[in-house]
Protein backbone atom coordinates (compact mmCIF):
# COMPACT_ATOMS: atom_id res chain seq x y z
CA UNK A 1 82.71 102.36 79.68
CA UNK A 2 83.61 102.10 83.25
CA UNK A 3 81.00 98.92 83.50
CA UNK A 4 83.08 97.32 80.79
CA UNK A 5 86.16 97.88 82.58
CA UNK A 6 85.14 96.34 85.58
CA UNK A 7 83.57 93.35 84.13
CA UNK A 8 86.98 92.80 82.05
CA UNK A 9 88.83 92.38 85.53
CA UNK A 10 86.79 89.87 87.00
CA UNK A 11 88.28 86.32 87.46
CA UNK A 12 86.70 84.24 84.70
CA UNK A 13 84.86 81.16 86.03
CA UNK A 14 87.11 78.62 84.08
CA UNK A 15 89.79 79.95 86.12
CA UNK A 16 88.43 79.30 89.36
CA UNK A 17 87.04 75.58 87.78
CA UNK A 18 90.69 75.27 86.84
CA UNK A 19 92.67 75.52 90.09
CA UNK A 20 90.06 73.70 92.27
CA UNK A 21 90.38 70.77 89.79
CA UNK A 22 94.29 71.04 90.28
CA UNK A 23 93.69 71.25 93.95
CA UNK A 24 91.72 68.28 94.33
CA UNK A 25 93.76 65.98 92.00
CA UNK A 26 96.89 66.98 94.00
CA UNK A 27 95.34 66.48 97.45
CA UNK A 28 93.55 63.21 96.36
CA UNK A 29 97.07 61.68 95.21
CA UNK A 30 99.20 63.11 97.85
CA UNK A 31 96.78 61.70 100.68
CA UNK A 32 96.42 58.32 98.65
CA UNK A 33 100.07 58.10 98.47
CA UNK A 34 100.59 58.50 102.08
CA UNK A 35 98.68 54.87 102.77
CA UNK A 36 98.48 53.81 99.63
CA UNK A 37 94.67 54.01 99.94
CA UNK A 38 93.19 55.57 96.95
CA UNK A 39 89.59 54.66 97.62
CA UNK A 40 89.90 56.40 101.25
CA UNK A 41 91.15 59.23 100.06
CA UNK A 42 89.12 60.15 97.01
CA UNK A 43 85.92 59.49 99.71
CA UNK A 44 87.63 61.80 102.04
CA UNK A 45 88.51 64.61 99.37
CA UNK A 46 85.02 64.67 98.16
CA UNK A 47 83.90 65.57 101.33
CA UNK A 48 86.58 68.22 102.20
CA UNK A 49 86.83 69.82 98.78
CA UNK A 50 83.39 71.68 98.89
CA UNK A 51 84.03 72.43 102.33
CA UNK A 52 87.03 74.17 101.45
CA UNK A 53 85.88 75.97 98.62
CA UNK A 54 82.97 77.05 100.68
CA UNK A 55 85.17 78.47 103.79
CA UNK A 56 87.68 79.85 101.35
CA UNK A 57 84.89 81.86 99.20
CA UNK A 58 83.41 83.02 102.08
CA UNK A 59 86.68 84.55 103.85
CA UNK A 60 87.94 86.04 100.48
CA UNK A 61 84.20 87.41 99.30
CA UNK A 62 82.56 88.38 102.72
CA UNK A 63 85.31 88.45 105.96
CA UNK A 64 87.86 90.41 104.30
CA UNK A 65 85.84 92.72 102.08
CA UNK A 66 83.37 93.54 104.58
CA UNK A 67 85.93 93.55 108.23
CA UNK A 68 89.65 93.48 106.88
CA UNK A 69 89.21 96.52 104.16
CA UNK A 70 86.91 98.40 107.03
CA UNK A 71 89.87 98.01 109.37
CA UNK A 72 87.61 95.90 111.71
CA UNK A 73 90.11 93.38 112.50
CA UNK A 74 88.68 91.92 116.17
CA UNK A 75 85.27 90.92 114.40
CA UNK A 76 87.42 89.65 111.49
CA UNK A 77 89.40 87.09 113.83
CA UNK A 78 86.04 86.18 115.66
CA UNK A 79 83.93 85.46 112.77
CA UNK A 80 86.95 83.51 111.24
CA UNK A 81 87.28 81.47 113.90
CA UNK A 82 83.86 80.51 114.16
CA UNK A 83 83.90 79.69 110.52
CA UNK A 84 87.43 77.56 111.11
CA UNK A 85 85.44 75.63 113.84
CA UNK A 86 82.52 74.87 112.18
CA UNK A 87 84.17 73.76 109.38
CA UNK A 88 86.39 71.25 111.44
CA UNK A 89 83.12 70.13 112.95
CA UNK A 90 81.42 69.53 109.75
CA UNK A 91 84.21 67.90 107.80
CA UNK A 92 85.05 65.85 110.63
CA UNK A 93 81.51 64.63 111.36
CA UNK A 94 80.96 63.75 107.90
CA UNK A 95 84.43 61.89 107.20
CA UNK A 96 83.51 60.20 110.85
CA UNK A 97 80.05 59.05 109.45
CA UNK A 98 80.46 58.40 105.83
CA UNK A 99 83.94 57.60 105.39
CA UNK A 100 85.78 55.66 108.37
CA UNK A 101 85.87 55.72 112.19
CA UNK A 102 89.64 55.98 112.06
CA UNK A 103 89.28 59.87 111.48
CA UNK A 104 93.08 60.42 110.97
CA UNK A 105 94.82 57.26 109.08
CA UNK A 106 97.83 59.03 107.91
CA UNK A 107 98.99 59.93 111.39
CA UNK A 108 100.70 57.46 113.68
CA UNK A 109 98.40 55.14 115.73
CA UNK A 110 94.55 55.19 115.96
CA UNK A 111 93.83 58.75 116.37
CA UNK A 112 90.65 59.61 117.94
CA UNK A 113 88.51 62.37 116.26
CA UNK A 114 87.79 65.84 117.80
CA UNK A 115 91.11 65.95 119.57
CA UNK A 116 93.24 69.15 119.86
CA UNK A 117 96.03 67.62 117.67
CA UNK A 118 93.53 66.98 115.26
CA UNK A 119 91.91 70.14 115.17
CA UNK A 120 95.28 72.42 114.90
CA UNK A 121 96.28 70.04 112.01
CA UNK A 122 93.16 70.01 110.04
CA UNK A 123 92.91 73.92 110.47
CA UNK A 124 96.44 74.73 109.53
CA UNK A 125 95.56 72.80 106.27
CA UNK A 126 92.91 74.92 105.57
CA UNK A 127 94.42 78.38 106.56
CA UNK A 128 97.16 76.97 104.05
CA UNK A 129 94.54 76.79 101.34
CA UNK A 130 92.76 80.20 102.17
CA UNK A 131 96.04 81.86 102.13
CA UNK A 132 96.90 80.36 98.93
CA UNK A 133 93.75 81.35 97.15
CA UNK A 134 93.74 84.87 98.98
CA UNK A 135 97.67 85.39 97.70
CA UNK A 136 96.21 84.12 94.25
CA UNK A 137 93.37 86.69 94.06
CA UNK A 138 95.31 89.49 95.68
CA UNK A 139 97.85 89.31 92.77
CA UNK A 140 95.26 89.11 90.02
CA UNK A 141 93.57 92.09 91.59
CA UNK A 142 96.63 93.92 91.77
CA UNK A 143 98.08 93.40 88.32
CA UNK A 144 94.43 93.84 87.08
CA UNK A 145 93.82 97.19 88.80
CA UNK A 146 96.81 98.76 87.70
CA UNK A 147 95.75 97.91 84.01
CA UNK A 148 92.38 99.58 84.88
CA UNK A 149 94.13 102.47 86.02
CA UNK A 150 96.15 102.72 82.95
CA UNK A 151 93.14 102.33 81.04
CA UNK A 152 91.18 104.85 82.96
CA UNK A 153 94.25 107.21 82.29
CA UNK A 154 94.25 106.36 78.78
CA UNK A 155 90.47 107.49 78.66
CA UNK A 156 91.07 110.34 80.72
CA UNK A 157 93.93 111.57 78.22
CA UNK A 158 92.13 111.25 75.19
CA UNK A 159 89.14 113.01 76.81
CA UNK A 160 91.44 115.50 77.54
CA UNK A 161 92.97 115.83 74.09
CA UNK A 162 89.56 115.96 72.50
CA UNK A 163 88.67 118.77 74.52
CA UNK A 164 91.58 120.70 73.60
CA UNK A 165 90.91 119.93 69.97
CA UNK A 166 87.69 121.22 70.22
CA UNK A 167 88.87 124.41 71.68
CA UNK A 168 90.96 124.68 68.92
CA UNK A 169 88.03 124.84 66.51
CA UNK A 170 86.24 127.24 67.67
CA UNK A 171 88.96 129.70 68.50
CA UNK A 172 90.09 129.37 64.45
CA UNK A 173 86.62 130.31 63.35
CA UNK A 174 86.26 132.87 65.78
CA UNK A 175 89.36 134.68 64.47
CA UNK A 176 88.48 133.69 60.60
CA UNK A 177 84.88 134.87 61.07
CA UNK A 178 86.32 138.09 62.20
CA UNK A 179 88.61 138.27 59.07
CA UNK A 180 85.67 138.11 57.03
CA UNK A 181 83.69 140.43 58.63
CA UNK A 182 86.12 142.98 58.50
CA UNK A 183 86.15 142.69 54.35
CA UNK A 184 82.26 142.28 54.32
CA UNK A 185 82.32 145.70 55.96
CA UNK A 186 84.90 147.14 53.56
CA UNK A 187 82.62 145.26 50.34
CA UNK A 188 86.04 143.65 49.29
CA UNK A 189 85.63 141.41 46.20
CA UNK A 190 88.32 139.17 48.52
CA UNK A 191 85.18 138.28 51.13
CA UNK A 192 83.81 135.37 48.46
CA UNK A 193 87.53 134.19 48.02
CA UNK A 194 87.68 133.98 51.82
CA UNK A 195 84.41 131.95 52.02
CA UNK A 196 86.36 129.26 49.36
CA UNK A 197 89.38 129.46 51.17
CA UNK A 198 87.53 129.13 54.51
CA UNK A 199 85.50 126.21 53.56
CA UNK A 200 88.85 124.16 52.60
CA UNK A 201 90.04 124.70 56.20
CA UNK A 202 86.94 123.79 57.43
CA UNK A 203 87.18 120.05 55.97
CA UNK A 204 90.48 120.05 57.74
CA UNK A 205 89.12 120.97 60.86
CA UNK A 206 86.05 118.97 60.85
CA UNK A 207 86.94 115.94 59.68
CA UNK A 208 90.95 115.31 59.55
CA UNK A 209 91.05 116.65 63.31
CA UNK A 210 89.00 113.00 64.54
CA UNK A 211 91.95 111.16 63.37
CA UNK A 212 95.01 110.86 65.85
CA UNK A 213 97.38 111.63 63.44
CA UNK A 214 97.35 112.87 59.75
CA UNK A 215 100.69 113.02 57.18
CA UNK A 216 102.74 115.95 57.56
CA UNK A 217 102.33 117.13 53.70
CA UNK A 218 98.59 117.38 54.42
CA UNK A 219 99.43 119.59 57.32
CA UNK A 220 101.38 122.05 55.34
CA UNK A 221 98.83 122.22 52.31
CA UNK A 222 96.37 123.79 54.63
CA UNK A 223 98.67 126.16 56.05
CA UNK A 224 99.34 126.74 52.63
CA UNK A 225 95.51 127.71 52.65
CA UNK A 226 95.38 129.40 55.76
CA UNK A 227 98.33 131.72 54.33
CA UNK A 228 96.26 132.25 51.34
CA UNK A 229 93.50 133.34 53.59
CA UNK A 230 95.42 136.04 55.12
CA UNK A 231 96.87 137.43 51.73
CA UNK A 232 93.27 137.66 51.04
CA UNK A 233 92.62 139.92 53.95
CA UNK A 234 96.00 142.05 54.14
CA UNK A 235 97.07 141.66 50.40
CA UNK A 236 100.70 142.21 48.96
CA UNK A 237 101.65 143.16 52.34
CA UNK A 238 101.79 139.43 53.50
CA UNK A 239 105.41 138.26 52.57
CA UNK A 240 105.33 134.23 53.75
CA UNK A 241 107.55 131.48 52.78
CA UNK A 242 107.69 127.57 53.65
CA UNK A 243 110.67 125.45 53.13
CA UNK A 244 110.95 121.82 53.53
CA UNK A 245 114.24 120.00 54.06
CA UNK A 246 114.21 116.00 54.48
CA UNK A 247 111.92 113.48 53.40
CA UNK A 248 108.59 114.02 54.85
CA UNK A 249 106.45 111.24 53.04
CA UNK A 250 105.85 109.05 55.71
CA UNK A 251 105.96 111.57 58.40
CA UNK A 252 102.60 111.69 60.54
CA UNK A 253 101.94 114.30 63.27
CA UNK A 254 98.89 115.25 65.50
CA UNK A 255 96.63 117.62 63.46
CA UNK A 256 95.93 121.40 64.29
CA UNK A 257 99.78 121.28 65.70
CA UNK A 258 100.83 124.12 63.65
CA UNK A 259 97.84 126.13 62.56
CA UNK A 260 97.62 127.93 66.27
CA UNK A 261 101.52 129.38 65.54
CA UNK A 262 100.69 130.71 62.23
CA UNK A 263 97.67 132.36 63.26
CA UNK A 264 100.03 133.84 66.04
CA UNK A 265 101.85 135.65 63.15
CA UNK A 266 98.95 137.67 62.35
CA UNK A 267 98.30 139.35 65.62
CA UNK A 268 101.08 141.38 66.68
CA UNK A 269 100.38 144.81 65.23
CA UNK A 270 99.44 143.96 61.99
CA UNK A 271 97.57 146.74 60.90
CA UNK A 272 100.64 148.88 61.47
CA UNK A 273 103.10 146.90 59.71
CA UNK A 274 104.09 147.82 55.92
CA UNK A 275 104.83 144.41 55.46
CA UNK A 276 104.17 141.08 57.49
CA UNK A 277 106.54 138.05 57.11
CA UNK A 278 106.40 134.97 57.89
CA UNK A 279 108.85 132.55 57.42
CA UNK A 280 108.17 128.98 58.34
CA UNK A 281 110.88 125.92 58.27
CA UNK A 282 110.11 122.17 58.33
CA UNK A 283 113.67 120.06 58.87
CA UNK A 284 113.02 115.93 59.19
CA UNK A 285 116.56 114.98 60.69
CA UNK A 286 117.83 112.05 62.96
CA UNK A 287 114.19 110.58 63.78
CA UNK A 288 112.96 114.45 64.77
CA UNK A 289 110.65 117.04 63.38
CA UNK A 290 112.18 120.52 63.63
CA UNK A 291 109.52 122.84 63.24
CA UNK A 292 110.54 127.05 62.84
CA UNK A 293 108.25 130.21 62.46
CA UNK A 294 109.78 133.34 62.38
CA UNK A 295 107.48 136.39 62.20
CA UNK A 296 107.91 140.16 62.32
CA UNK A 297 106.01 142.66 64.77
CA UNK A 298 105.99 145.97 65.87
CA UNK A 299 106.31 145.64 69.71
CA UNK A 300 105.38 148.63 70.64
CA UNK A 301 101.91 148.10 69.23
CA UNK A 302 101.65 144.79 70.54
CA UNK A 303 101.13 145.52 74.42
CA UNK A 304 98.15 144.37 75.52
CA UNK A 305 96.96 142.17 73.08
CA UNK A 306 95.56 139.03 74.02
CA UNK A 307 97.54 135.96 72.87
CA UNK A 308 94.01 133.60 73.16
CA UNK A 309 94.15 129.69 74.44
CA UNK A 310 96.43 128.92 71.04
CA UNK A 311 100.13 128.36 72.28
CA UNK A 312 99.01 127.18 75.78
CA UNK A 313 96.60 124.78 74.30
CA UNK A 314 99.13 123.18 71.94
CA UNK A 315 101.80 122.98 74.58
CA UNK A 316 99.59 120.66 76.80
CA UNK A 317 98.70 118.41 73.65
CA UNK A 318 102.59 117.78 73.17
CA UNK A 319 102.96 117.16 77.04
CA UNK A 320 100.10 114.50 76.69
CA UNK A 321 101.43 113.45 73.56
CA UNK A 322 105.09 112.85 73.95
CA UNK A 323 105.64 113.33 77.45
CA UNK A 324 109.06 115.00 78.06
CA UNK A 325 110.59 114.32 74.71
CA UNK A 326 109.50 117.33 72.70
CA UNK A 327 111.00 120.86 72.85
CA UNK A 328 108.93 123.96 72.44
CA UNK A 329 110.83 127.54 72.74
CA UNK A 330 109.63 131.04 71.83
CA UNK A 331 111.74 134.09 71.77
CA UNK A 332 111.07 138.03 71.12
CA UNK A 333 113.54 139.82 70.15
CA UNK A 334 114.27 143.20 68.15
CA UNK A 335 110.66 142.77 66.82
CA UNK A 336 110.95 139.57 65.70
CA UNK A 337 109.28 136.39 67.04
CA UNK A 338 110.53 132.95 66.87
CA UNK A 339 109.33 129.74 67.61
CA UNK A 340 111.08 126.44 67.58
CA UNK A 341 109.59 123.12 68.06
CA UNK A 342 111.16 120.09 68.03
CA UNK A 343 109.10 116.80 67.67
CA UNK A 344 110.23 113.01 67.92
CA UNK A 345 108.44 111.27 64.46
CA UNK A 346 106.56 108.92 67.16
CA UNK A 347 104.74 109.65 70.38
CA UNK A 348 105.04 108.07 73.78
């Protein structure tokens, strides 16, 4: 994955080719227009053009990474000065031998080669080319580094979300198998029905969880199945109700979002309660989904109970998916525990 990202953010060869083609044509026409001598401009640029490519790439891909990025500024300027001097000598020498002895026809008068003023003029032009290419490359690198960091962050968030979902799966099965074990110990006839209901929920846990979003209706159906499981365990003591207000046909949510809250309803002193009341409300209004769970519990018998990873797990998933656009509040008052969750109908 990281190799793929690295290769995606390299500058394609076609962009190099395009830049140097435009640069050559521009330089050719610019110098030709000065003296109205296209043949001279073509020959001199054919000599200067490959030398400019060499010194530019030598500076960008060797000198800058080896010295500037490692804060070895003295070594950089020393080697850069040497490379500029060599460039001038080779370029001027070849132009003098192969093109014309009038080495600087665009200047006034007949300028001699290898003079200080000619050296300064030619080096300034070369530095301009190097600076232009460096600016293009640095801008390109900055933009694509930003894209790469965003891609890596997305991978990191997806990895964390997948990890959180895998945490919920064994957490849920552990609790359900404990319930099944208790029924088997009692030789309860409901044990077989628990296995059937558990298989339905296993389909949800093992397959639906792979999808980033599932329909709200499907999620509600699995909550019904879970409540049926608990009714098989506790019998008529469980009094549950699910109400829906608003159009939920097109609403989709992350999987395994509500199940930990419903599990939590059966952890608060249920063995000592005559009735286990669970009221669940879903309301779709103004592009938000409102989810409320209210259950009763016996407070004095709830002390010391381990609440596990369920709710904190859900909170972390919500933070990753919705940022600060969701609201999750819990309240415990007079033997009643309430969860209020507000979600936008679209993730970040």
